[in-house]
PDB file of N, CA and C in Angstrom:
ATOM      1  N   MET A   1     -45.374 -19.133 -13.525  1.00  0.00           N
ATOM      2  CA  MET A   1     -44.913 -20.246 -12.745  1.00  0.00           C
ATOM      3  C   MET A   1     -43.426 -20.082 -12.383  1.00  0.00           C
ATOM      4  N   ALA A   2     -42.644 -19.597 -13.355  1.00  0.00           N
ATOM      5  CA  ALA A   2     -41.230 -19.385 -13.089  1.00  0.00           C
ATOM      6  C   ALA A   2     -41.028 -18.279 -12.060  1.00  0.00           C
ATOM      7  N   LEU A   3     -41.943 -17.301 -12.063  1.00  0.00           N
ATOM      8  CA  LEU A   3     -41.850 -16.197 -11.113  1.00  0.00           C
ATOM      9  C   LEU A   3     -42.025 -16.689  -9.683  1.00  0.00           C
ATOM     10  N   ASN A   4     -42.916 -17.668  -9.462  1.00  0.00           N
ATOM     11  CA  ASN A   4     -43.086 -18.244  -8.119  1.00  0.00           C
ATOM     12  C   ASN A   4     -41.809 -18.949  -7.665  1.00  0.00           C
ATOM     13  N   GLY A   5     -41.107 -19.611  -8.580  1.00  0.00           N
ATOM     14  CA  GLY A   5     -39.847 -20.273  -8.244  1.00  0.00           C
ATOM     15  C   GLY A   5     -38.779 -19.279  -7.842  1.00  0.00           C
ATOM     16  N   VAL A   6     -38.741 -18.133  -8.548  1.00  0.00           N
ATOM     17  CA  VAL A   6     -37.765 -17.081  -8.217  1.00  0.00           C
ATOM     18  C   VAL A   6     -38.071 -16.504  -6.845  1.00  0.00           C
ATOM     19  N   ARG A   7     -39.354 -16.245  -6.581  1.00  0.00           N
ATOM     20  CA  ARG A   7     -39.736 -15.699  -5.268  1.00  0.00           C
ATOM     21  C   ARG A   7     -39.392 -16.670  -4.150  1.00  0.00           C
ATOM     22  N   GLN A   8     -39.647 -17.949  -4.382  1.00  0.00           N
ATOM     23  CA  GLN A   8     -39.355 -18.958  -3.365  1.00  0.00           C
ATOM     24  C   GLN A   8     -37.846 -19.059  -3.142  1.00  0.00           C
ATOM     25  N   GLY A   9     -37.071 -18.991  -4.223  1.00  0.00           N
ATOM     26  CA  GLY A   9     -35.610 -19.035  -4.093  1.00  0.00           C
ATOM     27  C   GLY A   9     -35.076 -17.834  -3.342  1.00  0.00           C
ATOM     28  N   PHE A  10     -35.635 -16.639  -3.633  1.00  0.00           N
ATOM     29  CA  PHE A  10     -35.209 -15.432  -2.935  1.00  0.00           C
ATOM     30  C   PHE A  10     -35.555 -15.517  -1.458  1.00  0.00           C
ATOM     31  N   SER A  11     -36.739 -16.045  -1.146  1.00  0.00           N
ATOM     32  CA  SER A  11     -37.155 -16.190   0.248  1.00  0.00           C
ATOM     33  C   SER A  11     -36.224 -17.139   1.000  1.00  0.00           C
ATOM     34  N   MET A  12     -35.873 -18.258   0.364  1.00  0.00           N
ATOM     35  CA  MET A  12     -34.951 -19.210   1.002  1.00  0.00           C
ATOM     36  C   MET A  12     -33.583 -18.574   1.212  1.00  0.00           C
ATOM     37  N   TYR A  13     -33.125 -17.769   0.230  1.00  0.00           N
ATOM     38  CA  TYR A  13     -31.828 -17.116   0.320  1.00  0.00           C
ATOM     39  C   TYR A  13     -31.815 -16.101   1.466  1.00  0.00           C
ATOM     40  N   SER A  14     -32.874 -15.308   1.582  1.00  0.00           N
ATOM     41  CA  SER A  14     -32.913 -14.305   2.652  1.00  0.00           C
ATOM     42  C   SER A  14     -32.985 -14.971   4.025  1.00  0.00           C
ATOM     43  N   GLN A  15     -33.686 -16.099   4.144  1.00  0.00           N
ATOM     44  CA  GLN A  15     -33.725 -16.832   5.413  1.00  0.00           C
ATOM     45  C   GLN A  15     -32.338 -17.375   5.760  1.00  0.00           C
ATOM     46  N   PHE A  16     -31.629 -17.843   4.731  1.00  0.00           N
ATOM     47  CA  PHE A  16     -30.278 -18.351   4.938  1.00  0.00           C
ATOM     48  C   PHE A  16     -29.351 -17.250   5.439  1.00  0.00           C
ATOM     49  N   LEU A  17     -29.457 -16.055   4.851  1.00  0.00           N
ATOM     50  CA  LEU A  17     -28.617 -14.938   5.290  1.00  0.00           C
ATOM     51  C   LEU A  17     -28.924 -14.532   6.722  1.00  0.00           C
ATOM     52  N   LYS A  18     -30.194 -14.596   7.105  1.00  0.00           N
ATOM     53  CA  LYS A  18     -30.560 -14.252   8.487  1.00  0.00           C
ATOM     54  C   LYS A  18     -29.946 -15.221   9.483  1.00  0.00           C
ATOM     55  N   THR A  19     -29.792 -16.479   9.112  1.00  0.00           N
ATOM     56  CA  THR A  19     -29.181 -17.450  10.027  1.00  0.00           C
ATOM     57  C   THR A  19     -27.682 -17.216  10.158  1.00  0.00           C
ATOM     58  N   LEU A  20     -27.057 -16.667   9.104  1.00  0.00           N
ATOM     59  CA  LEU A  20     -25.613 -16.405   9.168  1.00  0.00           C
ATOM     60  C   LEU A  20     -25.277 -15.149   9.948  1.00  0.00           C
ATOM     61  N   LYS A  21     -26.172 -14.176   9.946  1.00  0.00           N
ATOM     62  CA  LYS A  21     -25.913 -12.903  10.615  1.00  0.00           C
ATOM     63  C   LYS A  21     -25.978 -13.087  12.124  1.00  0.00           C
ATOM     64  N   PRO A  22     -24.897 -12.739  12.859  1.00  0.00           N
ATOM     65  CA  PRO A  22     -24.930 -12.893  14.316  1.00  0.00           C
ATOM     66  C   PRO A  22     -25.848 -11.853  14.945  1.00  0.00           C
ATOM     67  N   PRO A  23     -26.412 -12.150  16.092  1.00  0.00           N
ATOM     68  CA  PRO A  23     -27.240 -11.159  16.771  1.00  0.00           C
ATOM     69  C   PRO A  23     -26.409  -9.943  17.151  1.00  0.00           C
ATOM     70  N   SER A  24     -27.033  -8.785  17.203  1.00  0.00           N
ATOM     71  CA  SER A  24     -26.310  -7.541  17.480  1.00  0.00           C
ATOM     72  C   SER A  24     -25.752  -7.479  18.893  1.00  0.00           C
ATOM     73  N   SER A  25     -26.242  -8.297  19.795  1.00  0.00           N
ATOM     74  CA  SER A  25     -25.777  -8.257  21.180  1.00  0.00           C
ATOM     75  C   SER A  25     -24.523  -9.100  21.401  1.00  0.00           C
ATOM     76  N   SER A  26     -24.098  -9.854  20.369  1.00  0.00           N
ATOM     77  CA  SER A  26     -22.924 -10.701  20.558  1.00  0.00           C
ATOM     78  C   SER A  26     -21.658  -9.860  20.626  1.00  0.00           C
ATOM     79  N   VAL A  27     -20.696 -10.318  21.395  1.00  0.00           N
ATOM     80  CA  VAL A  27     -19.433  -9.620  21.565  1.00  0.00           C
ATOM     81  C   VAL A  27     -18.453 -10.145  20.523  1.00  0.00           C
ATOM     82  N   SER A  28     -17.782  -9.231  19.843  1.00  0.00           N
ATOM     83  CA  SER A  28     -16.810  -9.622  18.838  1.00  0.00           C
ATOM     84  C   SER A  28     -15.541 -10.134  19.505  1.00  0.00           C
ATOM     85  N   LEU A  29     -15.011 -11.226  19.006  1.00  0.00           N
ATOM     86  CA  LEU A  29     -13.779 -11.772  19.556  1.00  0.00           C
ATOM     87  C   LEU A  29     -12.557 -11.022  19.046  1.00  0.00           C
ATOM     88  N   ARG A  30     -12.708 -10.328  17.918  1.00  0.00           N
ATOM     89  CA  ARG A  30     -11.614  -9.553  17.350  1.00  0.00           C
ATOM     90  C   ARG A  30     -11.991  -8.084  17.386  1.00  0.00           C
ATOM     91  N   PRO A  31     -11.496  -7.331  18.370  1.00  0.00           N
ATOM     92  CA  PRO A  31     -11.948  -5.959  18.542  1.00  0.00           C
ATOM     93  C   PRO A  31     -11.584  -5.038  17.368  1.00  0.00           C
ATOM     94  N   PHE A  32     -10.445  -5.254  16.707  1.00  0.00           N
ATOM     95  CA  PHE A  32     -10.051  -4.359  15.624  1.00  0.00           C
ATOM     96  C   PHE A  32     -10.518  -4.871  14.272  1.00  0.00           C
ATOM     97  N   SER A  33     -10.735  -6.175  14.139  1.00  0.00           N
ATOM     98  CA  SER A  33     -11.188  -6.836  12.920  1.00  0.00           C
ATOM     99  C   SER A  33     -10.452  -6.358  11.677  1.00  0.00           C
ATOM    100  N   GLY A  34      -9.134  -6.203  11.778  1.00  0.00           N
ATOM    101  CA  GLY A  34      -8.331  -5.844  10.626  1.00  0.00           C
ATOM    102  C   GLY A  34      -8.225  -4.351  10.371  1.00  0.00           C
ATOM    103  N   VAL A  35      -8.932  -3.529  11.097  1.00  0.00           N
ATOM    104  CA  VAL A  35      -8.887  -2.092  10.902  1.00  0.00           C
ATOM    105  C   VAL A  35      -8.054  -1.487  12.023  1.00  0.00           C
ATOM    106  N   VAL A  36      -7.144  -0.605  11.681  1.00  0.00           N
ATOM    107  CA  VAL A  36      -6.273   0.012  12.677  1.00  0.00           C
ATOM    108  C   VAL A  36      -7.059   1.060  13.450  1.00  0.00           C
ATOM    109  N   ASN A  37      -6.908   1.029  14.745  1.00  0.00           N
ATOM    110  CA  ASN A  37      -7.567   1.992  15.610  1.00  0.00           C
ATOM    111  C   ASN A  37      -6.993   3.378  15.332  1.00  0.00           C
ATOM    112  N   SER A  38      -7.843   4.387  15.255  1.00  0.00           N
ATOM    113  CA  SER A  38      -7.377   5.737  14.935  1.00  0.00           C
ATOM    114  C   SER A  38      -6.471   6.292  16.037  1.00  0.00           C
ATOM    115  N   GLU A  39      -6.659   5.857  17.276  1.00  0.00           N
ATOM    116  CA  GLU A  39      -5.796   6.317  18.364  1.00  0.00           C
ATOM    117  C   GLU A  39      -4.366   5.822  18.162  1.00  0.00           C
ATOM    118  N   ILE A  40      -4.218   4.572  17.730  1.00  0.00           N
ATOM    119  CA  ILE A  40      -2.891   4.017  17.472  1.00  0.00           C
ATOM    120  C   ILE A  40      -2.226   4.773  16.331  1.00  0.00           C
ATOM    121  N   THR A  41      -2.966   5.036  15.271  1.00  0.00           N
ATOM    122  CA  THR A  41      -2.423   5.753  14.125  1.00  0.00           C
ATOM    123  C   THR A  41      -2.006   7.158  14.519  1.00  0.00           C
ATOM    124  N   THR A  42      -2.804   7.842  15.293  1.00  0.00           N
ATOM    125  CA  THR A  42      -2.515   9.213  15.697  1.00  0.00           C
ATOM    126  C   THR A  42      -1.251   9.279  16.538  1.00  0.00           C
ATOM    127  N   THR A  43      -1.082   8.382  17.494  1.00  0.00           N
ATOM    128  CA  THR A  43       0.106   8.429  18.343  1.00  0.00           C
ATOM    129  C   THR A  43       1.355   8.046  17.554  1.00  0.00           C
ATOM    130  N   HIS A  44       1.236   7.127  16.591  1.00  0.00           N
ATOM    131  CA  HIS A  44       2.398   6.751  15.787  1.00  0.00           C
ATOM    132  C   HIS A  44       2.846   7.918  14.916  1.00  0.00           C
ATOM    133  N   THR A  45       1.907   8.602  14.297  1.00  0.00           N
ATOM    134  CA  THR A  45       2.241   9.730  13.430  1.00  0.00           C
ATOM    135  C   THR A  45       2.799  10.885  14.245  1.00  0.00           C
ATOM    136  N   SER A  46       2.230  11.161  15.398  1.00  0.00           N
ATOM    137  CA  SER A  46       2.714  12.273  16.210  1.00  0.00           C
ATOM    138  C   SER A  46       4.130  12.020  16.717  1.00  0.00           C
ATOM    139  N   LYS A  47       4.509  10.753  16.843  1.00  0.00           N
ATOM    140  CA  LYS A  47       5.878  10.425  17.259  1.00  0.00           C
ATOM    141  C   LYS A  47       6.878  10.977  16.244  1.00  0.00           C
ATOM    142  N   TRP A  48       6.572  10.842  14.943  1.00  0.00           N
ATOM    143  CA  TRP A  48       7.472  11.353  13.906  1.00  0.00           C
ATOM    144  C   TRP A  48       7.470  12.868  13.847  1.00  0.00           C
ATOM    145  N   MET A  49       6.352  13.482  14.172  1.00  0.00           N
ATOM    146  CA  MET A  49       6.225  14.923  14.045  1.00  0.00           C
ATOM    147  C   MET A  49       6.842  15.667  15.229  1.00  0.00           C
ATOM    148  N   GLN A  50       6.907  15.063  16.417  1.00  0.00           N
ATOM    149  CA  GLN A  50       7.389  15.755  17.605  1.00  0.00           C
ATOM    150  C   GLN A  50       8.903  15.865  17.650  1.00  0.00           C
ATOM    151  N   ASP A  51       9.598  14.803  17.296  1.00  0.00           N
ATOM    152  CA  ASP A  51      11.050  14.787  17.424  1.00  0.00           C
ATOM    153  C   ASP A  51      11.673  15.444  16.198  1.00  0.00           C
ATOM    154  N   THR A  52      12.091  16.706  16.353  1.00  0.00           N
ATOM    155  CA  THR A  52      12.653  17.446  15.225  1.00  0.00           C
ATOM    156  C   THR A  52      14.135  17.146  15.009  1.00  0.00           C
ATOM    157  N   THR A  53      14.766  16.415  15.934  1.00  0.00           N
ATOM    158  CA  THR A  53      16.182  16.089  15.749  1.00  0.00           C
ATOM    159  C   THR A  53      16.366  14.970  14.741  1.00  0.00           C
ATOM    160  N   LYS A  54      15.355  14.115  14.581  1.00  0.00           N
ATOM    161  CA  LYS A  54      15.433  13.015  13.627  1.00  0.00           C
ATOM    162  C   LYS A  54      14.798  13.435  12.309  1.00  0.00           C
ATOM    163  N   LYS A  55      15.325  12.910  11.226  1.00  0.00           N
ATOM    164  CA  LYS A  55      14.754  13.184   9.917  1.00  0.00           C
ATOM    165  C   LYS A  55      13.675  12.160   9.619  1.00  0.00           C
ATOM    166  N   SER A  56      12.666  12.598   8.892  1.00  0.00           N
ATOM    167  CA  SER A  56      11.597  11.689   8.505  1.00  0.00           C
ATOM    168  C   SER A  56      12.117  10.744   7.424  1.00  0.00           C
ATOM    169  N   PRO A  57      11.450   9.622   7.196  1.00  0.00           N
ATOM    170  CA  PRO A  57      11.895   8.700   6.156  1.00  0.00           C
ATOM    171  C   PRO A  57      11.965   9.354   4.780  1.00  0.00           C
ATOM    172  N   MET A  58      11.017  10.211   4.453  1.00  0.00           N
ATOM    173  CA  MET A  58      11.045  10.874   3.147  1.00  0.00           C
ATOM    174  C   MET A  58      12.223  11.831   3.028  1.00  0.00           C
ATOM    175  N   GLU A  59      12.594  12.501   4.101  1.00  0.00           N
ATOM    176  CA  GLU A  59      13.759  13.384   4.065  1.00  0.00           C
ATOM    177  C   GLU A  59      15.032  12.576   3.835  1.00  0.00           C
ATOM    178  N   LEU A  60      15.130  11.405   4.460  1.00  0.00           N
ATOM    179  CA  LEU A  60      16.301  10.551   4.257  1.00  0.00           C
ATOM    180  C   LEU A  60      16.379  10.043   2.820  1.00  0.00           C
ATOM    181  N   ILE A  61      15.249   9.666   2.227  1.00  0.00           N
ATOM    182  CA  ILE A  61      15.239   9.189   0.846  1.00  0.00           C
ATOM    183  C   ILE A  61      15.604  10.315  -0.106  1.00  0.00           C
ATOM    184  N   ASN A  62      15.096  11.526   0.147  1.00  0.00           N
ATOM    185  CA  ASN A  62      15.384  12.660  -0.735  1.00  0.00           C
ATOM    186  C   ASN A  62      16.836  13.104  -0.689  1.00  0.00           C
ATOM    187  N   GLU A  63      17.580  12.719   0.341  1.00  0.00           N
ATOM    188  CA  GLU A  63      19.002  13.044   0.410  1.00  0.00           C
ATOM    189  C   GLU A  63      19.828  12.211  -0.566  1.00  0.00           C
ATOM    190  N   VAL A  64      19.309  11.068  -0.988  1.00  0.00           N
ATOM    191  CA  VAL A  64      20.020  10.224  -1.954  1.00  0.00           C
ATOM    192  C   VAL A  64      19.900  10.883  -3.321  1.00  0.00           C
ATOM    193  N   PRO A  65      21.035  11.169  -3.984  1.00  0.00           N
ATOM    194  CA  PRO A  65      20.954  11.816  -5.304  1.00  0.00           C
ATOM    195  C   PRO A  65      20.333  10.859  -6.326  1.00  0.00           C
ATOM    196  N   PRO A  66      19.715  11.408  -7.386  1.00  0.00           N
ATOM    197  CA  PRO A  66      19.149  10.538  -8.418  1.00  0.00           C
ATOM    198  C   PRO A  66      20.209   9.616  -9.020  1.00  0.00           C
ATOM    199  N   ILE A  67      19.832   8.385  -9.262  1.00  0.00           N
ATOM    200  CA  ILE A  67      20.749   7.377  -9.791  1.00  0.00           C
ATOM    201  C   ILE A  67      20.740   7.467 -11.313  1.00  0.00           C
ATOM    202  N   LYS A  68      21.945   7.590 -11.920  1.00  0.00           N
ATOM    203  CA  LYS A  68      22.052   7.700 -13.373  1.00  0.00           C
ATOM    204  C   LYS A  68      22.057   6.309 -13.998  1.00  0.00           C
ATOM    205  N   VAL A  69      21.236   6.147 -15.046  1.00  0.00           N
ATOM    206  CA  VAL A  69      21.099   4.880 -15.748  1.00  0.00           C
ATOM    207  C   VAL A  69      21.385   5.130 -17.223  1.00  0.00           C
ATOM    208  N   GLU A  70      22.177   4.241 -17.855  1.00  0.00           N
ATOM    209  CA  GLU A  70      22.537   4.435 -19.261  1.00  0.00           C
ATOM    210  C   GLU A  70      21.381   4.152 -20.215  1.00  0.00           C
ATOM    211  N   GLY A  71      20.546   3.197 -19.913  1.00  0.00           N
ATOM    212  CA  GLY A  71      19.450   2.838 -20.801  1.00  0.00           C
ATOM    213  C   GLY A  71      18.219   3.699 -20.580  1.00  0.00           C
ATOM    214  N   ARG A  72      17.109   3.291 -21.203  1.00  0.00           N
ATOM    215  CA  ARG A  72      15.860   4.021 -21.065  1.00  0.00           C
ATOM    216  C   ARG A  72      14.966   3.436 -19.977  1.00  0.00           C
ATOM    217  N   THR A  73      15.385   2.320 -19.377  1.00  0.00           N
ATOM    218  CA  THR A  73      14.601   1.664 -18.335  1.00  0.00           C
ATOM    219  C   THR A  73      15.492   1.352 -17.142  1.00  0.00           C
ATOM    220  N   ALA A  74      14.991   1.665 -15.955  1.00  0.00           N
ATOM    221  CA  ALA A  74      15.693   1.320 -14.717  1.00  0.00           C
ATOM    222  C   ALA A  74      14.955   0.179 -14.049  1.00  0.00           C
ATOM    223  N   ALA A  75      15.706  -0.717 -13.421  1.00  0.00           N
ATOM    224  CA  ALA A  75      15.124  -1.824 -12.660  1.00  0.00           C
ATOM    225  C   ALA A  75      15.479  -1.608 -11.195  1.00  0.00           C
ATOM    226  N   CYS A  76      14.493  -1.297 -10.385  1.00  0.00           N
ATOM    227  CA  CYS A  76      14.731  -1.016  -8.964  1.00  0.00           C
ATOM    228  C   CYS A  76      14.271  -2.200  -8.125  1.00  0.00           C
ATOM    229  N   GLU A  77      15.153  -2.643  -7.219  1.00  0.00           N
ATOM    230  CA  GLU A  77      14.819  -3.701  -6.271  1.00  0.00           C
ATOM    231  C   GLU A  77      14.904  -3.210  -4.833  1.00  0.00           C
ATOM    232  N   GLY A  78      15.246  -1.945  -4.643  1.00  0.00           N
ATOM    233  CA  GLY A  78      15.300  -1.367  -3.310  1.00  0.00           C
ATOM    234  C   GLY A  78      16.611  -1.580  -2.591  1.00  0.00           C
ATOM    235  N   ASP A  79      17.213  -2.759  -2.749  1.00  0.00           N
ATOM    236  CA  ASP A  79      18.470  -3.066  -2.086  1.00  0.00           C
ATOM    237  C   ASP A  79      19.131  -4.204  -2.840  1.00  0.00           C
ATOM    238  N   THR A  80      20.440  -4.324  -2.717  1.00  0.00           N
ATOM    239  CA  THR A  80      21.144  -5.429  -3.373  1.00  0.00           C
ATOM    240  C   THR A  80      20.840  -6.759  -2.696  1.00  0.00           C
ATOM    241  N   ASN A  81      20.479  -6.722  -1.429  1.00  0.00           N
ATOM    242  CA  ASN A  81      20.090  -7.923  -0.697  1.00  0.00           C
ATOM    243  C   ASN A  81      18.600  -8.165  -0.909  1.00  0.00           C
ATOM    244  N   PRO A  82      18.205  -9.287  -1.526  1.00  0.00           N
ATOM    245  CA  PRO A  82      16.773  -9.531  -1.783  1.00  0.00           C
ATOM    246  C   PRO A  82      15.908  -9.558  -0.526  1.00  0.00           C
ATOM    247  N   ALA A  83      16.481  -9.902   0.608  1.00  0.00           N
ATOM    248  CA  ALA A  83      15.707  -9.949   1.846  1.00  0.00           C
ATOM    249  C   ALA A  83      15.338  -8.555   2.345  1.00  0.00           C
ATOM    250  N   LEU A  84      16.106  -7.547   1.938  1.00  0.00           N
ATOM    251  CA  LEU A  84      15.851  -6.185   2.396  1.00  0.00           C
ATOM    252  C   LEU A  84      15.163  -5.327   1.348  1.00  0.00           C
ATOM    253  N   GLY A  85      15.003  -5.827   0.134  1.00  0.00           N
ATOM    254  CA  GLY A  85      14.454  -5.034  -0.952  1.00  0.00           C
ATOM    255  C   GLY A  85      12.946  -5.149  -1.076  1.00  0.00           C
ATOM    256  N   HIS A  86      12.484  -4.944  -2.306  1.00  0.00           N
ATOM    257  CA  HIS A  86      11.056  -5.021  -2.624  1.00  0.00           C
ATOM    258  C   HIS A  86      10.919  -5.697  -3.976  1.00  0.00           C
ATOM    259  N   PRO A  87       9.699  -5.984  -4.428  1.00  0.00           N
ATOM    260  CA  PRO A  87       9.546  -6.590  -5.758  1.00  0.00           C
ATOM    261  C   PRO A  87      10.165  -5.704  -6.829  1.00  0.00           C
ATOM    262  N   ILE A  88      10.707  -6.314  -7.854  1.00  0.00           N
ATOM    263  CA  ILE A  88      11.382  -5.547  -8.895  1.00  0.00           C
ATOM    264  C   ILE A  88      10.391  -4.638  -9.612  1.00  0.00           C
ATOM    265  N   GLU A  89      10.803  -3.406  -9.812  1.00  0.00           N
ATOM    266  CA  GLU A  89       9.970  -2.395 -10.468  1.00  0.00           C
ATOM    267  C   GLU A  89      10.751  -1.848 -11.648  1.00  0.00           C
ATOM    268  N   PHE A  90      10.189  -1.982 -12.851  1.00  0.00           N
ATOM    269  CA  PHE A  90      10.816  -1.440 -14.050  1.00  0.00           C
ATOM    270  C   PHE A  90      10.261  -0.044 -14.276  1.00  0.00           C
ATOM    271  N   ILE A  91      11.169   0.932 -14.405  1.00  0.00           N
ATOM    272  CA  ILE A  91      10.781   2.334 -14.469  1.00  0.00           C
ATOM    273  C   ILE A  91      11.243   2.917 -15.797  1.00  0.00           C
ATOM    274  N   CYS A  92      10.323   3.524 -16.545  1.00  0.00           N
ATOM    275  CA  CYS A  92      10.634   4.162 -17.827  1.00  0.00           C
ATOM    276  C   CYS A  92      11.246   5.533 -17.560  1.00  0.00           C
ATOM    277  N   LEU A  93      12.346   5.829 -18.252  1.00  0.00           N
ATOM    278  CA  LEU A  93      13.073   7.077 -18.024  1.00  0.00           C
ATOM    279  C   LEU A  93      12.980   8.017 -19.224  1.00  0.00           C
ATOM    280  N   GLY A  94      11.850   8.112 -19.865  1.00  0.00           N
ATOM    281  CA  GLY A  94      11.701   8.927 -21.064  1.00  0.00           C
ATOM    282  C   GLY A  94      11.586  10.412 -20.801  1.00  0.00           C
ATOM    283  N   LYS A  95      11.354  10.856 -19.591  1.00  0.00           N
ATOM    284  CA  LYS A  95      11.147  12.276 -19.294  1.00  0.00           C
ATOM    285  C   LYS A  95      12.439  12.911 -18.799  1.00  0.00           C
ATOM    286  N   ASN A  96      12.456  14.248 -18.770  1.00  0.00           N
ATOM    287  CA  ASN A  96      13.655  14.968 -18.318  1.00  0.00           C
ATOM    288  C   ASN A  96      13.797  14.957 -16.800  1.00  0.00           C
ATOM    289  N   GLU A  97      12.690  14.917 -16.064  1.00  0.00           N
ATOM    290  CA  GLU A  97      12.772  14.911 -14.603  1.00  0.00           C
ATOM    291  C   GLU A  97      12.984  13.486 -14.096  1.00  0.00           C
ATOM    292  N   PRO A  98      13.490  13.329 -12.889  1.00  0.00           N
ATOM    293  CA  PRO A  98      13.737  11.991 -12.345  1.00  0.00           C
ATOM    294  C   PRO A  98      12.445  11.186 -12.201  1.00  0.00           C
ATOM    295  N   ALA A  99      12.542   9.881 -12.485  1.00  0.00           N
ATOM    296  CA  ALA A  99      11.430   8.956 -12.272  1.00  0.00           C
ATOM    297  C   ALA A  99      11.599   8.335 -10.890  1.00  0.00           C
ATOM    298  N   VAL A 100      10.500   8.128 -10.183  1.00  0.00           N
ATOM    299  CA  VAL A 100      10.536   7.682  -8.790  1.00  0.00           C
ATOM    300  C   VAL A 100       9.990   6.265  -8.684  1.00  0.00           C
ATOM    301  N   CYS A 101      10.686   5.424  -7.912  1.00  0.00           N
ATOM    302  CA  CYS A 101      10.210   4.078  -7.636  1.00  0.00           C
ATOM    303  C   CYS A 101       9.031   4.160  -6.674  1.00  0.00           C
ATOM    304  N   LYS A 102       7.945   3.462  -7.003  1.00  0.00           N
ATOM    305  CA  LYS A 102       6.745   3.539  -6.169  1.00  0.00           C
ATOM    306  C   LYS A 102       6.885   2.797  -4.851  1.00  0.00           C
ATOM    307  N   TYR A 103       7.873   1.918  -4.729  1.00  0.00           N
ATOM    308  CA  TYR A 103       8.058   1.162  -3.487  1.00  0.00           C
ATOM    309  C   TYR A 103       8.970   1.875  -2.497  1.00  0.00           C
ATOM    310  N   CYS A 104      10.129   2.322  -2.958  1.00  0.00           N
ATOM    311  CA  CYS A 104      11.117   2.848  -2.014  1.00  0.00           C
ATOM    312  C   CYS A 104      11.400   4.343  -2.164  1.00  0.00           C
ATOM    313  N   GLY A 105      10.948   4.959  -3.253  1.00  0.00           N
ATOM    314  CA  GLY A 105      11.146   6.392  -3.416  1.00  0.00           C
ATOM    315  C   GLY A 105      12.467   6.784  -4.043  1.00  0.00           C
ATOM    316  N   LEU A 106      13.314   5.817  -4.408  1.00  0.00           N
ATOM    317  CA  LEU A 106      14.567   6.167  -5.076  1.00  0.00           C
ATOM    318  C   LEU A 106      14.261   6.794  -6.424  1.00  0.00           C
ATOM    319  N   ARG A 107      15.106   7.751  -6.827  1.00  0.00           N
ATOM    320  CA  ARG A 107      14.894   8.466  -8.078  1.00  0.00           C
ATOM    321  C   ARG A 107      15.939   8.035  -9.105  1.00  0.00           C
ATOM    322  N   TYR A 108      15.511   7.948 -10.361  1.00  0.00           N
ATOM    323  CA  TYR A 108      16.375   7.529 -11.455  1.00  0.00           C
ATOM    324  C   TYR A 108      16.280   8.532 -12.592  1.00  0.00           C
ATOM    325  N   VAL A 109      17.435   8.804 -13.232  1.00  0.00           N
ATOM    326  CA  VAL A 109      17.478   9.667 -14.418  1.00  0.00           C
ATOM    327  C   VAL A 109      18.286   8.968 -15.495  1.00  0.00           C
ATOM    328  N   GLN A 110      17.967   9.294 -16.753  1.00  0.00           N
ATOM    329  CA  GLN A 110      18.714   8.725 -17.872  1.00  0.00           C
ATOM    330  C   GLN A 110      19.997   9.508 -18.043  1.00  0.00           C
ATOM    331  N   ASP A 111      21.125   8.794 -18.151  1.00  0.00           N
ATOM    332  CA  ASP A 111      22.441   9.419 -18.301  1.00  0.00           C
ATOM    333  C   ASP A 111      22.675   9.717 -19.773  1.00  0.00           C
ATOM    334  N   HIS A 112      22.629  11.002 -20.144  1.00  0.00           N
ATOM    335  CA  HIS A 112      22.880  11.419 -21.526  1.00  0.00           C
ATOM    336  C   HIS A 112      24.347  11.810 -21.641  1.00  0.00           C
ATOM    337  N   HIS A 113      25.114  11.009 -22.276  1.00  0.00           N
ATOM    338  CA  HIS A 113      26.564  11.302 -22.402  1.00  0.00           C
ATOM    339  C   HIS A 113      26.931  11.418 -23.874  1.00  0.00           C
ATOM    340  N   HIS A 114      26.332  12.395 -24.552  1.00  0.00           N
ATOM    341  CA  HIS A 114      26.631  12.625 -25.982  1.00  0.00           C
ATOM    342  C   HIS A 114      27.637  13.715 -26.130  1.00  0.00           C
TER     343      HIS A 114
END
């Protein structure tokens, strides 16, 4: 008896879903629906690759020398102005190589002054 109730509930649910699904012939009002068109992405990326006189954003970030920090943890905000920065990121500096902020790419090293 309970099995008939489950079947009836499933049937009602599937009928409900069919009423929500638009017909395939309908025209979408939002052509991109939140997904970036590959043509737009391709032309934007090629803009950075064609002009060799300008440096890429990663090249500009890599020109900044690693920032020395006295403690074992660095707090990166991206900029001193909160409007231009990013959410605060606490970075552990336990390794010998520079630690990188995941938001802005700035590098931090622990200052060993013994």
